[in-house]
Amino acid sequence: MKNWPPAVALLGIGWYVATCIVLGVLAGLWLDDQAGISPALTLVGLALGLAAAGWGGYRMLLDVLEGPRWRRRSKHEPDSEKEHDE
């Protein structure tokens, strides 16, 4: 998503968040069905899906707001020309 327009990148983040939550709940439902302890594992799957969605969405949003990582890194690293001048 590094070179995509911001609107497309934000749509990608939305799909990522929704997919994480849905997959977490579906995995929890399947595990509950297998183990017969409904709704415990569904809630665990929901929590894991929300955690993955939150962390991944945050990281992806940082890329959209701050630009690609190579641009961020170049701002913080000293210029090689300045090091040679001193």
C-alpha atoms as a PDB file:
ATOM      1  CA  MET A   1       0.000   0.000   0.000  1.00  0.00           C
ATOM      2  CA  LYS A   2       3.005   2.281  -0.120  1.00  0.00           C
ATOM      3  CA  ASN A   3       2.301   3.998  -3.445  1.00  0.00           C
ATOM      4  CA  TRP A   4      -1.491   3.881  -3.448  1.00  0.00           C
ATOM      5  CA  PRO A   5      -3.620   7.025  -3.126  1.00  0.00           C
ATOM      6  CA  PRO A   6      -4.717   7.658   0.484  1.00  0.00           C
ATOM      7  CA  ALA A   7      -8.393   6.862  -0.205  1.00  0.00           C
ATOM      8  CA  VAL A   8      -7.522   3.431  -1.580  1.00  0.00           C
ATOM      9  CA  ALA A   9      -5.166   2.768   1.326  1.00  0.00           C
ATOM     10  CA  LEU A  10      -7.919   3.657   3.810  1.00  0.00           C
ATOM     11  CA  LEU A  11     -10.306   1.260   2.066  1.00  0.00           C
ATOM     12  CA  GLY A  12      -7.652  -1.424   2.418  1.00  0.00           C
ATOM     13  CA  ILE A  13      -7.384  -0.732   6.132  1.00  0.00           C
ATOM     14  CA  GLY A  14     -11.160  -1.063   6.504  1.00  0.00           C
ATOM     15  CA  TRP A  15     -11.158  -4.409   4.730  1.00  0.00           C
ATOM     16  CA  TYR A  16      -8.236  -5.575   6.870  1.00  0.00           C
ATOM     17  CA  VAL A  17     -10.017  -4.673  10.105  1.00  0.00           C
ATOM     18  CA  ALA A  18     -13.271  -6.337   9.029  1.00  0.00           C
ATOM     19  CA  THR A  19     -11.474  -9.473   7.846  1.00  0.00           C
ATOM     20  CA  CYS A  20      -9.538  -9.856  11.106  1.00  0.00           C
ATOM     21  CA  ILE A  21     -12.680  -9.569  13.212  1.00  0.00           C
ATOM     22  CA  VAL A  22     -14.773 -11.899  11.041  1.00  0.00           C
ATOM     23  CA  LEU A  23     -12.033 -14.537  10.859  1.00  0.00           C
ATOM     24  CA  GLY A  24     -11.519 -14.379  14.622  1.00  0.00           C
ATOM     25  CA  VAL A  25     -15.232 -14.878  15.291  1.00  0.00           C
ATOM     26  CA  LEU A  26     -15.562 -17.666  12.714  1.00  0.00           C
ATOM     27  CA  ALA A  27     -12.548 -19.492  14.137  1.00  0.00           C
ATOM     28  CA  GLY A  28     -14.013 -19.114  17.627  1.00  0.00           C
ATOM     29  CA  LEU A  29     -17.390 -20.446  16.501  1.00  0.00           C
ATOM     30  CA  TRP A  30     -15.743 -23.442  14.833  1.00  0.00           C
ATOM     31  CA  LEU A  31     -13.640 -24.181  17.920  1.00  0.00           C
ATOM     32  CA  ASP A  32     -16.707 -23.824  20.155  1.00  0.00           C
ATOM     33  CA  ASP A  33     -18.538 -26.326  17.974  1.00  0.00           C
ATOM     34  CA  GLN A  34     -15.625 -28.763  18.180  1.00  0.00           C
ATOM     35  CA  ALA A  35     -15.095 -28.390  21.937  1.00  0.00           C
ATOM     36  CA  GLY A  36     -18.731 -27.850  22.945  1.00  0.00           C
ATOM     37  CA  ILE A  37     -17.998 -24.919  25.258  1.00  0.00           C
ATOM     38  CA  SER A  38     -19.991 -22.158  23.597  1.00  0.00           C
ATOM     39  CA  PRO A  39     -19.485 -19.060  23.710  1.00  0.00           C
ATOM     40  CA  ALA A  40     -16.063 -19.023  25.422  1.00  0.00           C
ATOM     41  CA  LEU A  41     -13.882 -19.572  22.369  1.00  0.00           C
ATOM     42  CA  THR A  42     -16.023 -17.292  20.228  1.00  0.00           C
ATOM     43  CA  LEU A  43     -15.268 -14.479  22.655  1.00  0.00           C
ATOM     44  CA  VAL A  44     -11.574 -15.384  22.624  1.00  0.00           C
ATOM     45  CA  GLY A  45     -11.617 -15.342  18.802  1.00  0.00           C
ATOM     46  CA  LEU A  46     -13.358 -11.978  18.847  1.00  0.00           C
ATOM     47  CA  ALA A  47     -10.752 -10.578  21.244  1.00  0.00           C
ATOM     48  CA  LEU A  48      -7.880 -11.896  19.136  1.00  0.00           C
ATOM     49  CA  GLY A  49      -9.473 -10.554  15.967  1.00  0.00           C
ATOM     50  CA  LEU A  50      -9.956  -7.142  17.545  1.00  0.00           C
ATOM     51  CA  ALA A  51      -6.364  -7.109  18.796  1.00  0.00           C
ATOM     52  CA  ALA A  52      -4.987  -8.075  15.375  1.00  0.00           C
ATOM     53  CA  ALA A  53      -7.253  -5.523  13.675  1.00  0.00           C
ATOM     54  CA  GLY A  54      -6.221  -2.769  16.072  1.00  0.00           C
ATOM     55  CA  TRP A  55      -2.499  -3.393  15.818  1.00  0.00           C
ATOM     56  CA  GLY A  56      -2.437  -3.968  12.070  1.00  0.00           C
ATOM     57  CA  GLY A  57      -4.804  -1.083  11.371  1.00  0.00           C
ATOM     58  CA  TYR A  58      -2.649   1.230  13.463  1.00  0.00           C
ATOM     59  CA  ARG A  59       0.506   0.219  11.603  1.00  0.00           C
ATOM     60  CA  MET A  60      -1.177   0.599   8.225  1.00  0.00           C
ATOM     61  CA  LEU A  61      -2.641   3.975   9.197  1.00  0.00           C
ATOM     62  CA  LEU A  62       0.801   5.228  10.187  1.00  0.00           C
ATOM     63  CA  ASP A  63       2.026   4.442   6.684  1.00  0.00           C
ATOM     64  CA  VAL A  64      -0.880   6.380   5.183  1.00  0.00           C
ATOM     65  CA  LEU A  65      -0.399   9.401   7.441  1.00  0.00           C
ATOM     66  CA  GLU A  66       3.398   9.574   7.428  1.00  0.00           C
ATOM     67  CA  GLY A  67       4.209   8.153   4.020  1.00  0.00           C
ATOM     68  CA  PRO A  68       6.369   5.167   3.183  1.00  0.00           C
ATOM     69  CA  ARG A  69       8.934   3.969   5.727  1.00  0.00           C
ATOM     70  CA  TRP A  70      11.913   4.845   3.535  1.00  0.00           C
ATOM     71  CA  ARG A  71      10.851   8.507   3.642  1.00  0.00           C
ATOM     72  CA  ARG A  72      10.430   8.485   7.437  1.00  0.00           C
ATOM     73  CA  ARG A  73      13.794   6.795   7.921  1.00  0.00           C
ATOM     74  CA  SER A  74      15.612   9.288   5.723  1.00  0.00           C
ATOM     75  CA  LYS A  75      14.359  12.200   7.852  1.00  0.00           C
ATOM     76  CA  HIS A  76      15.907  10.773  11.019  1.00  0.00           C
ATOM     77  CA  GLU A  77      19.203   9.540   9.631  1.00  0.00           C
ATOM     78  CA  PRO A  78      22.034  12.046   9.339  1.00  0.00           C
ATOM     79  CA  ASP A  79      23.109  13.000   5.849  1.00  0.00           C
ATOM     80  CA  SER A  80      26.177  11.149   4.679  1.00  0.00           C
ATOM     81  CA  GLU A  81      27.578  14.409   3.255  1.00  0.00           C
ATOM     82  CA  LYS A  82      27.525  16.092   6.690  1.00  0.00           C
ATOM     83  CA  GLU A  83      29.401  13.192   8.265  1.00  0.00           C
ATOM     84  CA  HIS A  84      32.189  13.448   5.688  1.00  0.00           C
ATOM     85  CA  ASP A  85      32.538  17.224   6.071  1.00  0.00           C
ATOM     86  CA  GLU A  86      33.309  17.062   9.802  1.00  0.00           C
END
